[in-house]
Amino acid sequence: MMLKYQKYFEELGISSKCPPKKVVSKKRLAFRYIYESIENKNNFIPQYFKQSPPRRNSSDESLCSDFALSFFMSEVNAIEYFLSFPQHIKKLLGYKNIAKGQLDKEDGLMTAVNKNGHFDLHEYENVDFSGRFIIISALQ
């Protein structure tokens, strides 16, 4: 299957490194920061395409991650990581809630889970998360 943002990897010259070599397709329960409403169109847009805060990392690995969706293994992981952000970053990001949903093998390629319980998902084309995630808690 073709990755949703493959053309950008090629245009930016990172296609040999993006996605990373050790990625998997699997079914997994996942948690994600979202905005006030579950219907917000920006809830499932990679950071690379968001206006606030705009992010253009310099290393190929970080740039690749900017095209992925960030998820966590648990609500606790997501909350703990969010609490580590300075207050001005929390405000700039604008996230209000944590949502939970099921990722399937057909959704894309997942990176390994890091020490914070975080992983990236590089989506396949035509993946739609509408109606698949529900808000489970508010962020402070």
N, C-alpha and C. Protein backbone atom coordinates (compact mmCIF):
# COMPACT_ATOMS: atom_id res chain seq x y z
N MET A 1 0.84 -1.18 0.00
CA MET A 1 0.00 0.00 0.00
C MET A 1 0.89 1.25 0.00
N MET A 2 0.37 2.28 -0.59
CA MET A 2 1.10 3.54 -0.67
C MET A 2 0.85 4.38 0.58
N LEU A 3 1.90 5.00 1.08
CA LEU A 3 1.76 5.88 2.24
C LEU A 3 1.14 7.21 1.80
N LYS A 4 0.33 7.79 2.67
CA LYS A 4 -0.42 9.00 2.36
C LYS A 4 0.49 10.17 1.95
N TYR A 5 1.66 10.28 2.58
CA TYR A 5 2.52 11.44 2.32
C TYR A 5 3.82 11.07 1.61
N GLN A 6 3.81 9.96 0.90
CA GLN A 6 5.00 9.47 0.20
C GLN A 6 5.59 10.50 -0.76
N LYS A 7 4.74 11.24 -1.46
CA LYS A 7 5.26 12.21 -2.43
C LYS A 7 6.10 13.28 -1.74
N TYR A 8 5.76 13.63 -0.51
CA TYR A 8 6.56 14.62 0.24
C TYR A 8 7.92 14.04 0.62
N PHE A 9 7.96 12.78 0.97
CA PHE A 9 9.24 12.14 1.32
C PHE A 9 10.18 12.21 0.12
N GLU A 10 9.63 11.98 -1.06
CA GLU A 10 10.44 12.02 -2.27
C GLU A 10 10.87 13.44 -2.59
N GLU A 11 9.94 14.40 -2.50
CA GLU A 11 10.27 15.80 -2.79
C GLU A 11 11.34 16.34 -1.85
N LEU A 12 11.30 15.92 -0.59
CA LEU A 12 12.25 16.40 0.42
C LEU A 12 13.53 15.58 0.48
N GLY A 13 13.59 14.53 -0.33
CA GLY A 13 14.79 13.70 -0.37
C GLY A 13 15.00 12.82 0.86
N ILE A 14 13.89 12.46 1.53
CA ILE A 14 14.02 11.62 2.71
C ILE A 14 13.38 10.24 2.53
N SER A 15 13.01 9.90 1.31
CA SER A 15 12.27 8.65 1.08
C SER A 15 13.07 7.41 1.46
N SER A 16 14.39 7.48 1.47
CA SER A 16 15.18 6.30 1.87
C SER A 16 15.18 6.13 3.39
N LYS A 17 14.80 7.17 4.12
CA LYS A 17 14.81 7.11 5.58
C LYS A 17 13.41 7.25 6.19
N CYS A 18 12.41 7.42 5.36
CA CYS A 18 11.07 7.68 5.87
C CYS A 18 10.05 6.82 5.13
N PRO A 19 9.30 6.01 5.84
CA PRO A 19 9.36 5.83 7.28
C PRO A 19 10.62 5.07 7.68
N PRO A 20 10.92 5.08 8.98
CA PRO A 20 12.11 4.35 9.45
C PRO A 20 12.04 2.88 9.06
N LYS A 21 13.16 2.22 9.07
CA LYS A 21 13.22 0.80 8.64
C LYS A 21 12.42 -0.13 9.54
N LYS A 22 12.45 0.11 10.84
CA LYS A 22 11.79 -0.81 11.78
C LYS A 22 10.38 -0.31 12.10
N VAL A 23 9.46 -0.54 11.18
CA VAL A 23 8.06 -0.19 11.38
C VAL A 23 7.21 -1.45 11.16
N VAL A 24 6.03 -1.45 11.77
CA VAL A 24 5.15 -2.61 11.65
C VAL A 24 3.73 -2.16 11.38
N SER A 25 2.96 -3.06 10.82
CA SER A 25 1.52 -2.87 10.64
C SER A 25 0.85 -3.81 11.62
N LYS A 26 0.09 -3.28 12.55
CA LYS A 26 -0.58 -4.15 13.51
C LYS A 26 -1.81 -3.48 14.11
N LYS A 27 -2.62 -4.30 14.72
CA LYS A 27 -3.80 -3.81 15.42
C LYS A 27 -3.36 -3.39 16.82
N ARG A 28 -3.81 -2.19 17.25
CA ARG A 28 -3.37 -1.68 18.55
C ARG A 28 -4.36 -0.62 19.04
N LEU A 29 -4.67 -0.68 20.31
CA LEU A 29 -5.43 0.38 20.95
C LEU A 29 -4.50 1.57 21.09
N ALA A 30 -4.99 2.78 20.79
CA ALA A 30 -4.12 3.96 20.80
C ALA A 30 -4.83 5.16 21.41
N PHE A 31 -4.02 6.08 21.90
CA PHE A 31 -4.50 7.30 22.56
C PHE A 31 -3.82 8.49 21.89
N ARG A 32 -4.58 9.57 21.71
CA ARG A 32 -4.07 10.71 20.97
C ARG A 32 -4.62 12.01 21.54
N TYR A 33 -3.78 13.05 21.52
CA TYR A 33 -4.24 14.39 21.89
C TYR A 33 -5.14 14.90 20.77
N ILE A 34 -6.23 15.53 21.17
CA ILE A 34 -7.11 16.14 20.18
C ILE A 34 -7.57 17.51 20.68
N TYR A 35 -8.23 18.23 19.82
CA TYR A 35 -8.72 19.56 20.16
C TYR A 35 -10.05 19.44 20.90
N GLU A 36 -10.74 20.55 21.06
CA GLU A 36 -11.98 20.60 21.84
C GLU A 36 -13.01 19.59 21.36
N SER A 37 -13.22 19.52 20.06
CA SER A 37 -14.25 18.66 19.49
C SER A 37 -13.62 17.49 18.74
N ILE A 38 -14.25 16.33 18.84
CA ILE A 38 -13.76 15.15 18.12
C ILE A 38 -13.91 15.36 16.60
N GLU A 39 -14.80 16.27 16.20
CA GLU A 39 -15.04 16.53 14.77
C GLU A 39 -14.03 17.51 14.16
N ASN A 40 -13.15 18.10 14.97
CA ASN A 40 -12.19 19.07 14.45
C ASN A 40 -11.34 18.41 13.36
N LYS A 41 -11.31 19.03 12.19
CA LYS A 41 -10.60 18.45 11.04
C LYS A 41 -9.09 18.33 11.27
N ASN A 42 -8.55 19.06 12.23
CA ASN A 42 -7.11 19.00 12.49
C ASN A 42 -6.69 17.90 13.47
N ASN A 43 -7.65 17.16 14.00
CA ASN A 43 -7.32 16.10 14.97
C ASN A 43 -6.43 15.01 14.39
N PHE A 44 -6.55 14.75 13.11
CA PHE A 44 -5.78 13.67 12.50
C PHE A 44 -4.97 14.16 11.30
N ILE A 45 -4.36 15.32 11.49
CA ILE A 45 -3.47 15.92 10.49
C ILE A 45 -2.07 15.92 11.09
N PRO A 46 -1.06 15.45 10.35
CA PRO A 46 0.31 15.50 10.89
C PRO A 46 0.77 16.92 11.17
N GLN A 47 1.66 17.05 12.11
CA GLN A 47 2.15 18.35 12.55
C GLN A 47 2.76 19.15 11.39
N TYR A 48 3.34 18.48 10.42
CA TYR A 48 3.97 19.17 9.28
C TYR A 48 2.99 20.13 8.60
N PHE A 49 1.72 19.79 8.57
CA PHE A 49 0.73 20.57 7.85
C PHE A 49 -0.04 21.57 8.71
N LYS A 50 0.23 21.59 10.00
CA LYS A 50 -0.49 22.50 10.89
C LYS A 50 0.18 23.87 10.91
N GLN A 51 -0.63 24.89 11.05
CA GLN A 51 -0.13 26.25 11.10
C GLN A 51 0.44 26.60 12.47
N SER A 52 -0.11 25.99 13.51
CA SER A 52 0.30 26.34 14.87
C SER A 52 0.51 25.10 15.70
N PRO A 53 1.68 24.87 16.19
CA PRO A 53 2.90 25.58 15.79
C PRO A 53 3.47 24.94 14.53
N PRO A 54 3.96 25.74 13.60
CA PRO A 54 4.58 25.15 12.42
C PRO A 54 5.86 24.45 12.84
N ARG A 55 6.10 23.29 12.28
CA ARG A 55 7.28 22.54 12.68
C ARG A 55 8.00 22.06 11.43
N ARG A 56 9.24 22.41 11.34
CA ARG A 56 10.07 21.96 10.22
C ARG A 56 11.41 21.54 10.80
N ASN A 57 11.47 20.30 11.22
CA ASN A 57 12.69 19.79 11.83
C ASN A 57 13.80 19.66 10.81
N SER A 58 15.03 19.74 11.29
CA SER A 58 16.17 19.73 10.38
C SER A 58 16.69 18.32 10.10
N SER A 59 16.67 17.43 11.05
CA SER A 59 17.19 16.09 10.78
C SER A 59 16.15 15.31 9.99
N ASP A 60 16.61 14.40 9.15
CA ASP A 60 15.70 13.60 8.34
C ASP A 60 14.75 12.79 9.21
N GLU A 61 15.25 12.25 10.31
CA GLU A 61 14.43 11.44 11.21
C GLU A 61 13.31 12.27 11.82
N SER A 62 13.64 13.45 12.30
CA SER A 62 12.63 14.33 12.90
C SER A 62 11.64 14.84 11.86
N LEU A 63 12.13 15.17 10.69
CA LEU A 63 11.26 15.62 9.61
C LEU A 63 10.28 14.51 9.23
N CYS A 64 10.77 13.31 9.18
CA CYS A 64 9.91 12.16 8.87
C CYS A 64 8.80 12.05 9.91
N SER A 65 9.14 12.21 11.17
CA SER A 65 8.16 12.13 12.26
C SER A 65 7.09 13.21 12.13
N ASP A 66 7.44 14.36 11.56
CA ASP A 66 6.48 15.44 11.38
C ASP A 66 5.34 15.06 10.43
N PHE A 67 5.55 14.04 9.60
CA PHE A 67 4.53 13.57 8.66
C PHE A 67 3.68 12.44 9.24
N ALA A 68 4.00 12.01 10.44
CA ALA A 68 3.27 10.91 11.09
C ALA A 68 2.27 11.45 12.10
N LEU A 69 1.34 10.61 12.49
CA LEU A 69 0.43 10.94 13.58
C LEU A 69 1.01 10.38 14.86
N SER A 70 0.99 11.18 15.92
CA SER A 70 1.51 10.75 17.22
C SER A 70 0.43 10.06 18.03
N PHE A 71 0.79 8.93 18.60
CA PHE A 71 -0.12 8.18 19.46
C PHE A 71 0.64 7.72 20.70
N PHE A 72 -0.13 7.30 21.69
CA PHE A 72 0.43 6.76 22.92
C PHE A 72 -0.21 5.40 23.20
N MET A 73 0.51 4.59 23.97
CA MET A 73 0.03 3.25 24.33
C MET A 73 -1.07 3.29 25.38
N SER A 74 -1.11 4.35 26.18
CA SER A 74 -2.11 4.42 27.24
C SER A 74 -2.48 5.88 27.51
N GLU A 75 -3.59 6.05 28.17
CA GLU A 75 -4.02 7.38 28.60
C GLU A 75 -2.99 7.95 29.58
N VAL A 76 -2.49 7.11 30.48
CA VAL A 76 -1.50 7.55 31.46
C VAL A 76 -0.24 8.07 30.77
N ASN A 77 0.26 7.33 29.76
CA ASN A 77 1.43 7.79 29.00
C ASN A 77 1.18 9.15 28.39
N ALA A 78 0.01 9.33 27.79
CA ALA A 78 -0.31 10.60 27.13
C ALA A 78 -0.37 11.74 28.14
N ILE A 79 -1.01 11.52 29.26
CA ILE A 79 -1.12 12.56 30.28
C ILE A 79 0.25 12.92 30.84
N GLU A 80 1.05 11.92 31.19
CA GLU A 80 2.37 12.19 31.77
C GLU A 80 3.25 12.98 30.81
N TYR A 81 3.20 12.63 29.54
CA TYR A 81 4.01 13.35 28.56
C TYR A 81 3.52 14.79 28.40
N PHE A 82 2.21 14.97 28.35
CA PHE A 82 1.65 16.31 28.21
C PHE A 82 2.02 17.18 29.40
N LEU A 83 2.01 16.62 30.59
CA LEU A 83 2.35 17.37 31.79
C LEU A 83 3.81 17.84 31.79
N SER A 84 4.65 17.18 31.00
CA SER A 84 6.07 17.58 30.93
C SER A 84 6.29 18.83 30.07
N PHE A 85 5.29 19.23 29.29
CA PHE A 85 5.42 20.42 28.44
C PHE A 85 5.34 21.69 29.28
N PRO A 86 6.13 22.70 28.95
CA PRO A 86 5.95 24.01 29.60
C PRO A 86 4.56 24.56 29.27
N GLN A 87 4.04 25.38 30.14
CA GLN A 87 2.68 25.91 29.98
C GLN A 87 2.49 26.63 28.64
N HIS A 88 3.48 27.41 28.20
CA HIS A 88 3.32 28.14 26.93
C HIS A 88 3.25 27.19 25.74
N ILE A 89 3.89 26.04 25.81
CA ILE A 89 3.82 25.05 24.73
C ILE A 89 2.43 24.40 24.73
N LYS A 90 1.93 24.06 25.90
CA LYS A 90 0.58 23.48 25.99
C LYS A 90 -0.44 24.42 25.33
N LYS A 91 -0.32 25.71 25.65
CA LYS A 91 -1.25 26.70 25.10
C LYS A 91 -1.09 26.81 23.58
N LEU A 92 0.14 26.83 23.11
CA LEU A 92 0.42 26.93 21.68
C LEU A 92 -0.14 25.73 20.92
N LEU A 93 0.00 24.53 21.47
CA LEU A 93 -0.50 23.32 20.82
C LEU A 93 -2.02 23.33 20.73
N GLY A 94 -2.69 23.79 21.77
CA GLY A 94 -4.14 23.93 21.74
C GLY A 94 -4.94 22.66 22.00
N TYR A 95 -4.29 21.58 22.38
CA TYR A 95 -5.02 20.34 22.64
C TYR A 95 -5.84 20.46 23.92
N LYS A 96 -7.03 19.89 23.90
CA LYS A 96 -7.94 19.97 25.05
C LYS A 96 -8.29 18.60 25.64
N ASN A 97 -8.18 17.54 24.85
CA ASN A 97 -8.66 16.22 25.27
C ASN A 97 -7.73 15.10 24.82
N ILE A 98 -8.01 13.93 25.39
CA ILE A 98 -7.38 12.69 24.94
C ILE A 98 -8.48 11.82 24.37
N ALA A 99 -8.21 11.25 23.22
CA ALA A 99 -9.17 10.34 22.58
C ALA A 99 -8.55 8.95 22.50
N LYS A 100 -9.43 7.96 22.47
CA LYS A 100 -9.02 6.56 22.40
C LYS A 100 -9.68 5.93 21.19
N GLY A 101 -8.91 5.07 20.51
CA GLY A 101 -9.46 4.36 19.37
C GLY A 101 -8.59 3.19 18.97
N GLN A 102 -9.11 2.40 18.07
CA GLN A 102 -8.42 1.21 17.60
C GLN A 102 -7.71 1.50 16.28
N LEU A 103 -6.42 1.19 16.23
CA LEU A 103 -5.68 1.24 14.97
C LEU A 103 -5.66 -0.17 14.40
N ASP A 104 -5.79 -0.27 13.10
CA ASP A 104 -5.78 -1.56 12.42
C ASP A 104 -4.56 -1.70 11.51
N LYS A 105 -4.26 -2.93 11.11
CA LYS A 105 -3.12 -3.19 10.23
C LYS A 105 -3.20 -2.36 8.95
N GLU A 106 -4.41 -2.13 8.49
CA GLU A 106 -4.64 -1.42 7.23
C GLU A 106 -4.48 0.10 7.35
N ASP A 107 -4.20 0.60 8.55
CA ASP A 107 -4.09 2.04 8.76
C ASP A 107 -2.72 2.60 8.40
N GLY A 108 -1.68 1.80 8.54
CA GLY A 108 -0.35 2.30 8.23
C GLY A 108 0.75 1.57 8.96
N LEU A 109 1.90 2.22 9.01
CA LEU A 109 3.11 1.64 9.60
C LEU A 109 3.45 2.36 10.90
N MET A 110 3.66 1.58 11.96
CA MET A 110 3.93 2.13 13.28
C MET A 110 5.41 1.98 13.64
N THR A 111 5.93 3.02 14.26
CA THR A 111 7.30 2.95 14.78
C THR A 111 7.26 2.20 16.11
N ALA A 112 8.43 1.87 16.62
CA ALA A 112 8.53 1.25 17.94
C ALA A 112 8.05 2.23 19.00
N VAL A 113 7.54 1.70 20.08
CA VAL A 113 7.08 2.52 21.20
C VAL A 113 8.31 2.98 21.99
N ASN A 114 8.39 4.29 22.27
CA ASN A 114 9.54 4.80 23.01
C ASN A 114 9.31 4.74 24.52
N LYS A 115 10.25 5.23 25.29
CA LYS A 115 10.18 5.15 26.76
C LYS A 115 9.00 5.93 27.34
N ASN A 116 8.45 6.88 26.58
CA ASN A 116 7.29 7.65 27.03
C ASN A 116 5.96 7.01 26.63
N GLY A 117 6.03 5.83 26.01
CA GLY A 117 4.81 5.17 25.54
C GLY A 117 4.29 5.75 24.24
N HIS A 118 5.12 6.53 23.55
CA HIS A 118 4.73 7.21 22.32
C HIS A 118 5.19 6.40 21.09
N PHE A 119 4.39 6.48 20.03
CA PHE A 119 4.79 5.92 18.75
C PHE A 119 4.17 6.75 17.64
N ASP A 120 4.77 6.67 16.46
CA ASP A 120 4.27 7.37 15.27
C ASP A 120 3.55 6.38 14.37
N LEU A 121 2.55 6.87 13.68
CA LEU A 121 1.86 6.10 12.66
C LEU A 121 2.00 6.83 11.34
N HIS A 122 2.61 6.18 10.36
CA HIS A 122 2.67 6.70 8.99
C HIS A 122 1.50 6.07 8.25
N GLU A 123 0.50 6.90 7.98
CA GLU A 123 -0.75 6.43 7.40
C GLU A 123 -0.62 5.98 5.95
N TYR A 124 -1.43 4.99 5.62
CA TYR A 124 -1.61 4.62 4.22
C TYR A 124 -2.61 5.60 3.59
N GLU A 125 -2.63 5.65 2.28
CA GLU A 125 -3.59 6.49 1.57
C GLU A 125 -5.02 6.07 1.93
N ASN A 126 -5.91 7.04 1.90
CA ASN A 126 -7.35 6.83 2.09
C ASN A 126 -7.76 6.33 3.47
N VAL A 127 -6.90 6.44 4.46
CA VAL A 127 -7.28 6.09 5.83
C VAL A 127 -8.11 7.24 6.40
N ASP A 128 -9.19 6.89 7.07
CA ASP A 128 -10.08 7.88 7.66
C ASP A 128 -10.38 7.47 9.10
N PHE A 129 -10.04 8.34 10.04
CA PHE A 129 -10.26 8.03 11.45
C PHE A 129 -11.59 8.58 11.97
N SER A 130 -12.39 9.18 11.10
CA SER A 130 -13.70 9.73 11.52
C SER A 130 -14.54 8.64 12.17
N GLY A 131 -15.05 8.95 13.35
CA GLY A 131 -15.92 8.00 14.05
C GLY A 131 -15.21 6.84 14.71
N ARG A 132 -13.91 6.78 14.62
CA ARG A 132 -13.17 5.65 15.19
C ARG A 132 -12.54 5.96 16.54
N PHE A 133 -12.53 7.23 16.92
CA PHE A 133 -11.95 7.64 18.21
C PHE A 133 -13.01 8.36 19.02
N ILE A 134 -12.92 8.20 20.34
CA ILE A 134 -13.84 8.89 21.24
C ILE A 134 -13.03 9.62 22.31
N ILE A 135 -13.55 10.76 22.75
CA ILE A 135 -12.91 11.50 23.83
C ILE A 135 -13.10 10.73 25.13
N ILE A 136 -12.00 10.54 25.87
CA ILE A 136 -12.10 9.82 27.14
C ILE A 136 -11.74 10.69 28.34
N SER A 137 -10.97 11.77 28.12
CA SER A 137 -10.62 12.65 29.25
C SER A 137 -10.17 14.00 28.75
N ALA A 138 -10.22 14.97 29.65
CA ALA A 138 -9.78 16.33 29.34
C ALA A 138 -8.32 16.49 29.79
N LEU A 139 -7.58 17.29 29.04
CA LEU A 139 -6.21 17.64 29.44
C LEU A 139 -6.26 18.89 30.31
N GLN A 140 -5.36 18.97 31.25
CA GLN A 140 -5.31 20.13 32.17
C GLN A 140 -4.30 21.14 31.68
